[in-house]
Amino acid sequence: RYSRLMDGKQIVAGYTALSTQRAVFQQTLDDIAFFCLPEYERKEKMGTDGTPIRPVTSKPAHSAQTCGGHMFANTISTGQQWFSLRSVRDNPNDAELQRWLHRSSQTALRAIQNSNFAEAYGSMITLYCTFGTGILGIDWDPSREQLVFRNLPVNRDAYLAENAYGYVDTIYRLLRYTASQAAQEFGVEALPEKIRQALRDPSKAAEKFEFVHMIAPNSSPDPNRQDWKGKPYVSMYVCKETEEIVRRSGFWKFPYACPRFIKTSEWPYGYGCGHRALYTIRQLNRGESELINALEMANHPPIFIPDEDALKWINLRPNSVNFMDFSQGKPWEYPVGGGNVQLLHQHVEQLKQELDELFFIDVFLSISMRYRKEKTATEVQALDEEKLSSIGPMVVRLQSECFSVMIERVVDLLMEYGMIDPPPESVNREGFRVVYTSRIDTKLAQVENMQFMRAVQDAANTLALGDQIPRLNRTVNLEEGVRAMLERSHINPGLIRSKVERQRMEREEAEAAAAAQAMEQERALVDKINPQAPIQEGSPLARLEQLQAQPLV
């Protein structure tokens, strides 16, 4: 697939094509960043007078950071085990496999905790929630012998492409290095002549040069080679100006995890809370600007001062001073009003509440305080389940597109550098799966457990009704009805007894009941022994006493 992109010219052309494809979407990302992440490095929007334009309200930035913080706290547990490795096919009898999975889980968890994962993931998860796409790089630092994680903002010169199955397998990104930084990264001999000259010229110490980095699948890896030509993914660094390749390498696993918040087909990028809330954000920014103007107008209205040199134009802005000619009488009374301050304030508060809902902030508050006094415990529980269900698809996508890719890459790196022993043959053949035990996974599991309990309770009530009203069973097949009810409640089909199984269990119960009844009947035929009654002559006890009375010879 990418064998034709092995020269620098075509790699630069691929980068240009992907950046052009995202031009319209990039404008939306820039608008979201302008309001939600103003502290990130970006180009300032300039007004007509040359002054920077900055957002009026800080609420969108607060909502974005709060959403990212809640997602961080609910998806991983720093200092605790929040994932474990399991075999694809549950085989508890394979002791060697279970030991390897347990040791690998503990080693991977310690390696992640001892790295900068929390810092990089914390930044990535905020961008994931806000922009809808996160990019988390996973690599190994041989000098420090530990994992290294990098967060790449999707709105900052990082472009993605998918394979035929919808998984991200290609990334282009633009790097800007000074000559000194490029020499440290790639080596002096690999640099183009222009950059080597800048390296020797002190006046160009601050000049930056652009490099395109591409990671893509290797269309024809050589299984007999261990270098980049034999690996499934190739990595190329190209000087954008000269189109010369300055470094070639490869990876056994794709080194970036790229989760998408809300995914649409045929587009490699996701849509996040910022896309959902952009219209509300713009209205809120405008509303707070109008509220500030109304407050200033109410507190500092324009004033008029008598003066012979009257002004031609009247300034009705807040705190303005107008000099008027009062010789011909008082000037016209100009209606000066800043609007209804109270109404504007109510509108702004409504927009802020709507913004919190669009960023799912109320979802992460397991049971909001405002519902405790207004609703019963059952209503609160149902509301909690509804809120958790709304965020469930985003959490599942985060697990499949971020954590699974990341943990597989981590295990691969730890095996490559000798931190984890080689896996058993069954793992090489089938692979492994990841089970998550974070806070939100536990809450989602509790929701599923409660749904199961309610379905079972409804089934029990239905069957009990049939026992109370026997004629009902002659009209309605309650057993088949209960089975259909459980299936509609999405109960695991493996837990629902089939008709054949139920008939077999009924036969076994009937046979057990018949055997118990027969035993009771046999017991009734046997006379009970009364120890107080006299021994009858000729009975076995009488003969036993006669034998005991005979003297021993």
Protein backbone atom coordinates (compact mmCIF):
# COMPACT_ATOMS: atom_id res chain seq x y z
CA ARG A 1 0.00 0.00 0.00
CA TYR A 2 2.71 2.48 0.94
CA SER A 3 5.62 1.08 -1.03
CA ARG A 4 5.34 4.04 -3.44
CA LEU A 5 5.76 6.55 -0.57
CA MET A 6 9.32 5.58 0.22
CA ASP A 7 10.84 8.76 -1.24
CA GLY A 8 10.71 12.16 0.39
CA LYS A 9 8.83 13.92 -2.38
CA GLN A 10 5.82 11.63 -2.18
CA ILE A 11 5.81 11.68 1.62
CA VAL A 12 5.57 15.48 1.54
CA ALA A 13 2.82 15.17 -1.10
CA GLY A 14 0.90 12.77 1.16
CA TYR A 15 1.15 15.24 4.05
CA THR A 16 -0.09 18.08 1.83
CA ALA A 17 -3.04 15.99 0.60
CA LEU A 18 -4.21 15.10 4.12
CA SER A 19 -3.83 18.67 5.40
CA THR A 20 -5.80 20.00 2.40
CA GLN A 21 -8.52 17.42 2.97
CA ARG A 22 -8.98 18.67 6.55
CA ALA A 23 -8.98 22.41 5.73
CA VAL A 24 -12.68 23.04 6.48
CA PHE A 25 -12.67 20.75 9.52
CA GLN A 26 -9.50 22.51 10.71
CA GLN A 27 -11.36 25.83 10.87
CA THR A 28 -13.89 24.26 13.23
CA LEU A 29 -11.07 22.89 15.39
CA ASP A 30 -9.52 26.35 15.53
CA ASP A 31 -12.84 27.90 16.60
CA ILE A 32 -13.24 25.31 19.36
CA ALA A 33 -9.67 25.90 20.53
CA PHE A 34 -10.26 29.67 20.54
CA PHE A 35 -13.06 29.37 23.09
CA CYS A 36 -12.29 26.14 24.98
CA LEU A 37 -8.51 25.98 25.14
CA PRO A 38 -7.23 29.56 24.98
CA GLU A 39 -4.16 28.68 27.02
CA TYR A 40 -2.84 26.35 24.30
CA GLU A 41 -0.33 27.72 21.82
CA ARG A 42 -2.12 29.06 18.77
CA LYS A 43 -2.21 32.02 16.44
CA GLU A 44 -4.04 34.99 17.91
CA LYS A 45 -7.16 36.27 16.17
CA MET A 46 -6.54 39.90 15.35
CA GLY A 47 -9.13 42.67 15.14
CA THR A 48 -9.34 45.40 12.49
CA ASP A 49 -7.37 47.71 14.77
CA GLY A 50 -4.57 45.15 15.17
CA THR A 51 -5.39 44.19 18.76
CA PRO A 52 -5.81 40.51 19.71
CA ILE A 53 -9.38 39.21 20.01
CA ARG A 54 -9.91 36.93 22.99
CA PRO A 55 -13.03 35.17 24.27
CA VAL A 56 -15.16 37.09 26.76
CA THR A 57 -16.34 34.08 28.77
CA SER A 58 -14.14 31.54 30.54
CA LYS A 59 -16.96 29.01 31.00
CA PRO A 60 -16.16 26.89 27.87
CA ALA A 61 -12.55 26.45 28.99
CA HIS A 62 -13.75 25.49 32.47
CA SER A 63 -16.26 22.99 31.06
CA ALA A 64 -13.62 21.41 28.80
CA GLN A 65 -11.14 21.02 31.65
CA THR A 66 -13.83 19.69 34.00
CA CYS A 67 -15.04 17.14 31.45
CA GLY A 68 -11.47 15.98 30.85
CA GLY A 69 -10.81 15.78 34.59
CA HIS A 70 -13.92 13.68 35.21
CA MET A 71 -13.09 11.36 32.33
CA PHE A 72 -9.52 10.98 33.64
CA ALA A 73 -10.67 10.14 37.17
CA ASN A 74 -13.31 7.68 36.01
CA THR A 75 -11.37 5.77 33.35
CA ILE A 76 -8.06 5.07 35.13
CA SER A 77 -7.08 4.63 38.76
CA THR A 78 -3.62 5.98 39.50
CA GLY A 79 -1.86 3.88 42.10
CA GLN A 80 -4.36 1.03 41.72
CA GLN A 81 -4.88 -1.77 39.25
CA TRP A 82 -7.34 -0.62 36.61
CA PHE A 83 -6.79 -3.33 34.00
CA SER A 84 -5.71 -6.96 33.74
CA LEU A 85 -4.84 -9.33 30.92
CA ARG A 86 -7.02 -12.33 30.16
CA SER A 87 -6.83 -15.11 27.60
CA VAL A 88 -9.10 -14.86 24.59
CA ARG A 89 -10.59 -18.23 25.48
CA ASP A 90 -11.08 -18.59 29.23
CA ASN A 91 -8.93 -21.56 30.23
CA PRO A 92 -8.39 -21.55 34.02
CA ASN A 93 -6.78 -25.00 33.88
CA ASP A 94 -3.77 -23.71 31.92
CA ALA A 95 -1.58 -22.77 34.91
CA GLU A 96 1.36 -21.57 32.79
CA LEU A 97 -0.87 -19.24 30.79
CA GLN A 98 -2.56 -17.81 33.90
CA ARG A 99 0.82 -17.15 35.57
CA TRP A 100 2.15 -15.36 32.48
CA LEU A 101 -0.99 -13.21 32.19
CA HIS A 102 -0.84 -12.25 35.88
CA ARG A 103 2.88 -11.41 35.82
CA SER A 104 2.52 -9.46 32.59
CA SER A 105 -0.43 -7.47 33.97
CA GLN A 106 1.52 -6.49 37.07
CA THR A 107 4.70 -5.64 35.13
CA ALA A 108 2.82 -3.53 32.57
CA LEU A 109 0.91 -1.70 35.30
CA ARG A 110 4.11 -0.87 37.22
CA ALA A 111 5.83 0.32 34.03
CA ILE A 112 2.88 2.60 33.21
CA GLN A 113 2.74 3.99 36.76
CA ASN A 114 6.50 4.71 36.76
CA SER A 115 6.28 6.65 33.48
CA ASN A 116 4.77 9.99 32.47
CA PHE A 117 1.52 8.29 31.46
CA ALA A 118 -0.72 10.22 33.88
CA GLU A 119 0.58 13.56 32.61
CA ALA A 120 0.28 12.70 28.91
CA TYR A 121 -3.06 10.92 29.30
CA GLY A 122 -4.48 13.83 31.32
CA SER A 123 -3.71 16.23 28.48
CA MET A 124 -4.88 13.80 25.80
CA ILE A 125 -8.22 13.03 27.46
CA THR A 126 -9.14 16.73 27.61
CA LEU A 127 -8.45 17.11 23.89
CA TYR A 128 -10.28 13.83 23.23
CA CYS A 129 -13.42 15.11 24.94
CA THR A 130 -13.19 18.59 23.44
CA PHE A 131 -12.03 17.98 19.86
CA GLY A 132 -13.36 14.42 19.54
CA THR A 133 -9.96 12.93 18.63
CA GLY A 134 -7.03 12.09 20.88
CA ILE A 135 -3.53 11.03 19.82
CA LEU A 136 -1.36 9.30 22.43
CA GLY A 137 2.14 8.15 21.47
CA ILE A 138 3.73 5.16 23.23
CA ASP A 139 7.51 4.63 23.05
CA TRP A 140 10.51 3.44 25.07
CA ASP A 141 13.39 5.55 26.39
CA PRO A 142 16.49 3.29 26.40
CA SER A 143 18.58 5.82 28.34
CA ARG A 144 16.14 5.83 31.28
CA GLU A 145 14.77 2.31 30.65
CA GLN A 146 11.15 3.34 30.98
CA LEU A 147 8.07 4.02 28.91
CA VAL A 148 7.48 7.44 27.38
CA PHE A 149 4.02 8.76 26.44
CA ARG A 150 3.33 11.80 24.24
CA ASN A 151 0.15 13.78 23.69
CA LEU A 152 -0.26 15.18 20.18
CA PRO A 153 -3.01 17.83 19.81
CA VAL A 154 -5.09 16.91 16.78
CA ASN A 155 -5.53 20.58 15.91
CA ARG A 156 -1.76 21.11 15.69
CA ASP A 157 -0.40 19.65 12.42
CA ALA A 158 -1.30 15.99 13.05
CA TYR A 159 -3.23 14.17 10.33
CA LEU A 160 -4.70 10.65 10.36
CA ALA A 161 -5.78 8.02 7.84
CA GLU A 162 -7.72 4.78 8.33
CA ASN A 163 -7.49 1.31 6.87
CA ALA A 164 -10.39 -0.51 5.24
CA TYR A 165 -11.74 -1.60 8.64
CA GLY A 166 -11.93 1.90 10.13
CA TYR A 167 -8.81 1.68 12.33
CA VAL A 168 -6.21 4.43 12.29
CA ASP A 169 -2.99 3.00 10.83
CA THR A 170 -1.35 6.11 9.32
CA ILE A 171 -0.26 9.40 10.81
CA TYR A 172 1.48 12.43 9.35
CA ARG A 173 2.73 15.23 11.55
CA LEU A 174 4.75 18.39 11.05
CA LEU A 175 7.76 19.07 13.29
CA ARG A 176 9.65 22.34 13.62
CA TYR A 177 13.27 22.11 14.78
CA THR A 178 16.13 24.53 14.96
CA ALA A 179 19.35 23.36 13.30
CA SER A 180 20.73 22.37 16.70
CA GLN A 181 17.61 20.39 17.61
CA ALA A 182 17.61 18.65 14.23
CA ALA A 183 21.26 17.66 14.68
CA GLN A 184 20.46 16.18 18.09
CA GLU A 185 17.46 14.31 16.73
CA PHE A 186 18.76 12.99 13.40
CA GLY A 187 22.55 13.45 13.51
CA VAL A 188 24.58 16.01 11.57
CA GLU A 189 25.42 13.66 8.68
CA ALA A 190 21.74 12.99 7.90
CA LEU A 191 20.82 16.69 7.60
CA PRO A 192 20.57 18.55 4.28
CA GLU A 193 23.38 20.95 3.44
CA LYS A 194 21.26 24.05 4.12
CA ILE A 195 20.58 22.95 7.71
CA ARG A 196 24.24 22.03 8.26
CA GLN A 197 25.20 25.55 7.16
CA ALA A 198 22.66 27.03 9.58
CA LEU A 199 24.19 24.87 12.30
CA ARG A 200 27.53 26.64 11.76
CA ASP A 201 25.98 30.13 11.53
CA PRO A 202 25.23 31.66 14.99
CA SER A 203 22.87 34.22 13.42
CA LYS A 204 20.51 31.39 12.44
CA ALA A 205 20.41 29.71 15.84
CA ALA A 206 16.70 30.52 16.28
CA GLU A 207 15.62 29.70 12.71
CA LYS A 208 13.34 26.67 12.52
CA PHE A 209 13.08 24.08 9.77
CA GLU A 210 10.06 21.92 9.04
CA PHE A 211 10.15 18.11 8.95
CA VAL A 212 7.34 15.75 7.97
CA HIS A 213 7.07 12.53 9.99
CA MET A 214 5.10 9.67 8.46
CA ILE A 215 4.18 6.33 10.08
CA ALA A 216 2.29 3.97 7.78
CA PRO A 217 1.89 0.23 7.11
CA ASN A 218 4.70 -1.51 5.27
CA SER A 219 3.14 -2.96 2.13
CA SER A 220 5.75 -5.71 1.74
CA PRO A 221 7.70 -6.44 4.94
CA ASP A 222 10.63 -8.83 4.54
CA PRO A 223 10.22 -11.63 7.13
CA ASN A 224 13.95 -12.38 6.96
CA ARG A 225 14.97 -8.91 8.17
CA GLN A 226 14.82 -7.37 11.64
CA ASP A 227 15.36 -3.75 10.58
CA TRP A 228 12.68 -1.34 9.37
CA LYS A 229 12.24 -3.23 6.10
CA GLY A 230 11.02 -6.28 8.00
CA LYS A 231 8.60 -4.52 10.35
CA PRO A 232 4.84 -4.06 9.77
CA TYR A 233 5.03 -0.26 10.08
CA VAL A 234 7.59 2.10 8.56
CA SER A 235 8.60 5.48 9.96
CA MET A 236 10.11 8.23 7.78
CA TYR A 237 11.34 11.73 8.66
CA VAL A 238 11.63 14.10 5.68
CA CYS A 239 12.92 17.65 5.46
CA LYS A 240 9.93 19.44 3.96
CA GLU A 241 11.94 22.08 2.07
CA THR A 242 14.49 19.79 0.43
CA GLU A 243 12.31 16.61 0.44
CA GLU A 244 15.25 14.54 1.68
CA ILE A 245 14.72 11.60 4.04
CA VAL A 246 16.74 12.12 7.21
CA ARG A 247 15.71 8.98 9.12
CA ARG A 248 14.15 5.57 8.42
CA SER A 249 12.91 3.18 11.07
CA GLY A 250 10.00 0.85 11.79
CA PHE A 251 7.64 -0.53 14.42
CA TRP A 252 6.20 -3.95 15.21
CA LYS A 253 3.04 -2.28 16.58
CA PHE A 254 1.44 1.02 15.57
CA PRO A 255 2.93 3.44 18.15
CA TYR A 256 -0.06 5.77 18.48
CA ALA A 257 -3.45 5.23 20.10
CA CYS A 258 -6.06 7.40 18.38
CA PRO A 259 -9.48 7.26 20.09
CA ARG A 260 -12.46 9.07 18.56
CA PHE A 261 -15.25 10.42 20.79
CA ILE A 262 -18.16 10.22 18.32
CA LYS A 263 -17.23 8.55 15.04
CA THR A 264 -18.85 8.85 11.64
CA SER A 265 -18.06 6.61 8.71
CA GLU A 266 -15.60 7.59 5.97
CA TRP A 267 -13.90 10.23 8.13
CA PRO A 268 -10.87 9.46 10.28
CA TYR A 269 -11.57 12.14 12.89
CA GLY A 270 -14.09 12.18 15.70
CA TYR A 271 -16.56 14.78 16.88
CA GLY A 272 -16.34 15.88 20.50
CA CYS A 273 -18.15 17.99 23.02
CA GLY A 274 -16.71 21.12 21.44
CA HIS A 275 -18.49 20.35 18.16
CA ARG A 276 -21.76 19.67 19.98
CA ALA A 277 -21.52 22.85 22.02
CA LEU A 278 -19.97 25.31 19.53
CA TYR A 279 -23.25 27.11 18.81
CA THR A 280 -24.03 27.39 22.54
CA ILE A 281 -20.48 28.59 23.20
CA ARG A 282 -20.83 31.38 20.66
CA GLN A 283 -24.18 32.41 22.12
CA LEU A 284 -22.71 32.40 25.62
CA ASN A 285 -19.74 34.51 24.56
CA ARG A 286 -22.10 37.00 22.95
CA GLY A 287 -24.47 36.93 25.94
CA GLU A 288 -21.74 37.66 28.47
CA SER A 289 -20.44 40.49 26.26
CA GLU A 290 -23.92 42.03 26.18
CA LEU A 291 -24.28 41.53 29.93
CA ILE A 292 -21.01 43.35 30.57
CA ASN A 293 -22.12 46.22 28.31
CA ALA A 294 -25.51 46.41 30.06
CA LEU A 295 -23.89 46.54 33.50
CA GLU A 296 -21.48 49.26 32.40
CA MET A 297 -24.30 51.25 30.83
CA ALA A 298 -26.42 50.94 33.96
CA ASN A 299 -23.59 51.96 36.29
CA HIS A 300 -21.79 54.46 34.07
CA PRO A 301 -24.25 56.04 31.60
CA PRO A 302 -23.08 58.78 29.21
CA ILE A 303 -23.24 62.32 30.55
CA PHE A 304 -23.75 65.73 28.89
CA ILE A 305 -21.75 68.85 29.84
CA PRO A 306 -22.57 72.38 28.58
CA ASP A 307 -19.90 73.81 26.29
CA GLU A 308 -19.91 76.34 23.49
CA ASP A 309 -17.96 74.00 21.25
CA ALA A 310 -20.65 71.43 20.74
CA LEU A 311 -19.77 68.03 19.33
CA LYS A 312 -21.23 67.03 16.02
CA TRP A 313 -21.63 63.38 17.01
CA ILE A 314 -23.13 62.04 20.22
CA ASN A 315 -21.28 59.20 21.98
CA LEU A 316 -23.72 56.94 23.80
CA ARG A 317 -21.19 54.40 25.00
CA PRO A 318 -20.82 53.72 28.73
CA ASN A 319 -18.80 56.26 30.72
CA SER A 320 -18.67 58.68 27.77
CA VAL A 321 -18.66 62.49 28.12
CA ASN A 322 -20.48 64.68 25.56
CA PHE A 323 -19.97 68.45 25.39
CA MET A 324 -23.18 70.19 24.24
CA ASP A 325 -24.26 73.78 23.48
CA PHE A 326 -26.92 74.63 26.09
CA SER A 327 -27.38 78.25 24.85
CA GLN A 328 -30.45 77.28 22.86
CA GLY A 329 -31.88 75.22 25.67
CA LYS A 330 -31.30 71.70 26.89
CA PRO A 331 -30.35 69.11 24.28
CA TRP A 332 -32.61 66.37 23.23
CA GLU A 333 -32.97 63.61 25.80
CA TYR A 334 -31.50 60.53 24.23
CA PRO A 335 -32.89 57.21 25.47
CA VAL A 336 -29.90 55.44 26.95
CA GLY A 337 -30.44 51.85 28.04
CA GLY A 338 -28.29 48.79 28.41
CA GLY A 339 -31.07 46.26 28.21
CA ASN A 340 -32.68 44.21 30.93
CA VAL A 341 -29.74 43.16 33.09
CA GLN A 342 -31.74 40.57 35.02
CA LEU A 343 -33.07 38.96 31.85
CA LEU A 344 -29.60 38.87 30.31
CA HIS A 345 -28.22 37.28 33.46
CA GLN A 346 -30.90 34.56 33.41
CA HIS A 347 -30.16 33.84 29.75
CA VAL A 348 -26.42 33.53 30.44
CA GLU A 349 -27.05 31.14 33.34
CA GLN A 350 -29.28 28.98 31.14
CA LEU A 351 -26.55 28.82 28.51
CA LYS A 352 -23.99 27.82 31.16
CA GLN A 353 -26.21 25.00 32.38
CA GLU A 354 -26.76 23.85 28.80
CA LEU A 355 -22.99 23.92 28.23
CA ASP A 356 -22.40 21.68 31.26
CA GLU A 357 -24.91 19.18 29.86
CA LEU A 358 -23.29 19.26 26.42
CA PHE A 359 -19.93 18.47 28.05
CA PHE A 360 -21.52 15.60 30.06
CA ILE A 361 -20.46 17.15 33.36
CA ASP A 362 -23.74 16.13 35.01
CA VAL A 363 -23.19 12.57 33.76
CA PHE A 364 -20.01 12.14 35.78
CA LEU A 365 -21.68 13.31 38.95
CA SER A 366 -23.06 9.89 39.86
CA ILE A 367 -26.06 11.34 41.74
CA SER A 368 -26.36 15.09 41.53
CA MET A 369 -27.17 16.90 44.78
CA ARG A 370 -30.12 18.71 43.25
CA TYR A 371 -31.98 15.43 42.75
CA ARG A 372 -31.66 14.09 46.30
CA LYS A 373 -34.49 16.13 47.81
CA GLU A 374 -36.72 16.07 44.75
CA LYS A 375 -36.75 12.37 43.87
CA THR A 376 -37.03 8.99 45.53
CA ALA A 377 -34.14 6.52 45.74
CA THR A 378 -35.60 4.47 42.88
CA GLU A 379 -35.97 7.56 40.69
CA VAL A 380 -32.43 8.68 41.50
CA GLN A 381 -31.10 5.23 40.61
CA ALA A 382 -32.97 5.22 37.29
CA LEU A 383 -31.70 8.72 36.52
CA ASP A 384 -28.14 7.68 37.36
CA GLU A 385 -28.37 4.69 35.03
CA GLU A 386 -29.69 6.91 32.24
CA LYS A 387 -26.82 9.37 32.63
CA LEU A 388 -24.17 6.63 32.69
CA SER A 389 -25.69 4.98 29.63
CA SER A 390 -25.34 8.25 27.69
CA ILE A 391 -21.55 8.27 28.17
CA GLY A 392 -21.13 4.49 27.79
CA PRO A 393 -20.43 4.42 24.01
CA MET A 394 -17.64 7.01 24.37
CA VAL A 395 -16.03 5.00 27.19
CA VAL A 396 -16.21 1.77 25.17
CA ARG A 397 -14.61 3.50 22.18
CA LEU A 398 -11.89 4.89 24.45
CA GLN A 399 -11.16 1.38 25.70
CA SER A 400 -11.05 -0.22 22.26
CA GLU A 401 -9.17 2.53 20.40
CA CYS A 402 -6.90 3.83 23.16
CA PHE A 403 -6.36 1.45 26.08
CA SER A 404 -6.31 -1.80 24.08
CA VAL A 405 -3.88 -0.38 21.50
CA MET A 406 -1.77 1.23 24.23
CA ILE A 407 -1.55 -1.87 26.45
CA GLU A 408 -0.70 -4.14 23.52
CA ARG A 409 2.04 -1.71 22.52
CA VAL A 410 3.29 -1.54 26.14
CA VAL A 411 3.43 -5.34 26.47
CA ASP A 412 5.25 -5.56 23.13
CA LEU A 413 7.84 -2.99 24.21
CA LEU A 414 8.37 -4.66 27.60
CA MET A 415 8.92 -8.03 25.91
CA GLU A 416 11.30 -6.44 23.38
CA TYR A 417 13.43 -4.96 26.16
CA GLY A 418 13.32 -8.03 28.40
CA MET A 419 10.94 -6.74 31.08
CA ILE A 420 8.36 -9.46 30.31
CA ASP A 421 9.16 -13.10 29.55
CA PRO A 422 8.20 -14.55 26.15
CA PRO A 423 4.54 -15.61 26.15
CA PRO A 424 3.27 -19.21 25.98
CA GLU A 425 2.36 -20.67 22.62
CA SER A 426 -1.38 -20.15 23.20
CA VAL A 427 -0.85 -16.37 23.52
CA ASN A 428 1.24 -16.27 20.35
CA ARG A 429 -1.52 -18.15 18.57
CA GLU A 430 -4.64 -16.44 19.92
CA GLY A 431 -3.43 -13.24 21.63
CA PHE A 432 -4.95 -11.81 24.81
CA ARG A 433 -7.72 -9.45 25.83
CA VAL A 434 -7.84 -6.62 28.36
CA VAL A 435 -10.36 -6.42 31.20
CA TYR A 436 -10.90 -2.97 32.75
CA THR A 437 -11.77 -2.31 36.39
CA SER A 438 -11.78 1.48 36.59
CA ARG A 439 -14.40 3.50 38.43
CA ILE A 440 -16.69 4.06 35.48
CA ASP A 441 -16.38 0.40 34.40
CA THR A 442 -17.53 -0.61 37.87
CA LYS A 443 -20.48 1.79 37.64
CA LEU A 444 -21.46 0.53 34.20
CA ALA A 445 -21.24 -3.05 35.51
CA GLN A 446 -23.51 -2.09 38.41
CA VAL A 447 -26.02 -0.69 35.93
CA GLU A 448 -25.97 -3.97 34.01
CA ASN A 449 -26.35 -5.94 37.26
CA MET A 450 -29.38 -3.89 38.27
CA GLN A 451 -30.94 -4.39 34.85
CA PHE A 452 -30.41 -8.14 35.24
CA MET A 453 -31.95 -8.14 38.73
CA ARG A 454 -35.00 -6.20 37.54
CA ALA A 455 -35.52 -8.58 34.63
CA VAL A 456 -35.25 -11.62 36.92
CA GLN A 457 -37.64 -10.04 39.45
CA ASP A 458 -40.20 -9.34 36.71
CA ALA A 459 -39.88 -12.95 35.53
CA ALA A 460 -40.36 -14.27 39.09
CA ASN A 461 -43.47 -12.11 39.57
CA THR A 462 -44.94 -13.39 36.31
CA LEU A 463 -44.38 -17.05 37.21
CA ALA A 464 -45.72 -16.47 40.75
CA LEU A 465 -48.87 -14.99 39.22
CA GLY A 466 -49.32 -18.20 37.24
CA ASP A 467 -49.01 -20.26 40.44
CA GLN A 468 -51.64 -18.09 42.15
CA ILE A 469 -54.06 -18.26 39.20
CA PRO A 470 -53.75 -21.74 37.65
CA ARG A 471 -56.29 -20.93 34.95
CA LEU A 472 -53.89 -18.27 33.60
CA ASN A 473 -51.45 -20.97 32.49
CA ARG A 474 -54.18 -22.50 30.31
CA THR A 475 -54.62 -19.19 28.50
CA VAL A 476 -51.01 -17.89 28.31
CA ASN A 477 -47.78 -19.87 27.97
CA LEU A 478 -46.10 -18.04 30.84
CA GLU A 479 -42.80 -19.91 30.59
CA GLU A 480 -42.29 -18.96 26.95
CA GLY A 481 -43.50 -15.46 27.71
CA VAL A 482 -40.93 -15.09 30.50
CA ARG A 483 -38.21 -16.35 28.18
CA ALA A 484 -39.16 -13.75 25.53
CA MET A 485 -39.25 -11.05 28.23
CA LEU A 486 -35.72 -11.93 29.38
CA GLU A 487 -34.44 -11.91 25.82
CA ARG A 488 -35.94 -8.45 25.24
CA SER A 489 -34.13 -7.29 28.39
CA HIS A 490 -30.83 -8.32 26.70
CA ILE A 491 -30.09 -11.06 29.23
CA ASN A 492 -27.24 -13.32 28.15
CA PRO A 493 -28.91 -16.15 26.15
CA GLY A 494 -26.53 -18.63 27.76
CA LEU A 495 -28.17 -17.93 31.13
CA ILE A 496 -31.72 -18.64 29.90
CA ARG A 497 -32.82 -22.29 30.07
CA SER A 498 -34.02 -23.80 26.80
CA LYS A 499 -37.29 -25.72 26.51
CA VAL A 500 -35.40 -29.03 26.34
CA GLU A 501 -33.44 -28.17 29.49
CA ARG A 502 -36.62 -27.21 31.32
CA GLN A 503 -38.34 -30.48 30.35
CA ARG A 504 -35.31 -32.49 31.50
CA MET A 505 -35.24 -30.65 34.83
CA GLU A 506 -38.98 -31.26 35.28
CA ARG A 507 -38.52 -35.01 34.65
CA GLU A 508 -35.67 -35.16 37.15
CA GLU A 509 -37.75 -33.30 39.74
CA ALA A 510 -40.71 -35.63 39.12
CA GLU A 511 -38.49 -38.72 39.46
CA ALA A 512 -36.96 -37.38 42.70
CA ALA A 513 -40.42 -36.64 44.09
CA ALA A 514 -41.65 -40.14 43.18
CA ALA A 515 -38.62 -41.74 44.85
CA ALA A 516 -39.17 -39.69 48.01
CA GLN A 517 -42.85 -40.66 48.09
CA ALA A 518 -42.01 -44.37 47.70
CA MET A 519 -39.54 -44.17 50.59
CA GLU A 520 -42.16 -42.57 52.81
CA GLN A 521 -44.59 -45.32 51.97
CA GLU A 522 -42.03 -48.02 52.91
CA ARG A 523 -41.34 -46.28 56.20
CA ALA A 524 -45.06 -46.27 56.98
CA LEU A 525 -45.21 -50.07 56.57
CA VAL A 526 -42.48 -50.63 59.19
CA ASP A 527 -43.74 -50.59 62.80
CA LYS A 528 -41.91 -48.21 65.01
CA ILE A 529 -40.04 -49.80 67.96
CA ASN A 530 -41.29 -48.81 71.41
CA PRO A 531 -38.45 -49.25 73.95
CA GLN A 532 -40.97 -49.28 76.88
CA ALA A 533 -43.09 -52.16 75.48
CA PRO A 534 -42.42 -55.78 76.77
CA ILE A 535 -40.45 -58.12 74.51
CA GLN A 536 -42.76 -60.50 72.70
CA GLU A 537 -42.02 -64.21 72.93
CA GLY A 538 -40.42 -65.63 69.78
CA SER A 539 -39.30 -62.21 68.50
CA PRO A 540 -35.68 -61.60 67.38
CA LEU A 541 -35.01 -59.62 70.60
CA ALA A 542 -36.33 -62.53 72.72
CA ARG A 543 -34.02 -64.99 70.95
CA LEU A 544 -31.10 -62.56 71.45
CA GLU A 545 -31.75 -62.41 75.19
CA GLN A 546 -31.85 -66.20 75.36
CA LEU A 547 -28.45 -66.42 73.67
CA GLN A 548 -26.99 -63.79 76.02
CA ALA A 549 -28.34 -65.75 79.06
CA GLN A 550 -26.58 -69.00 78.10
CA PRO A 551 -23.24 -69.55 79.91
CA LEU A 552 -20.02 -69.50 77.89
CA VAL A 553 -18.37 -72.94 77.48
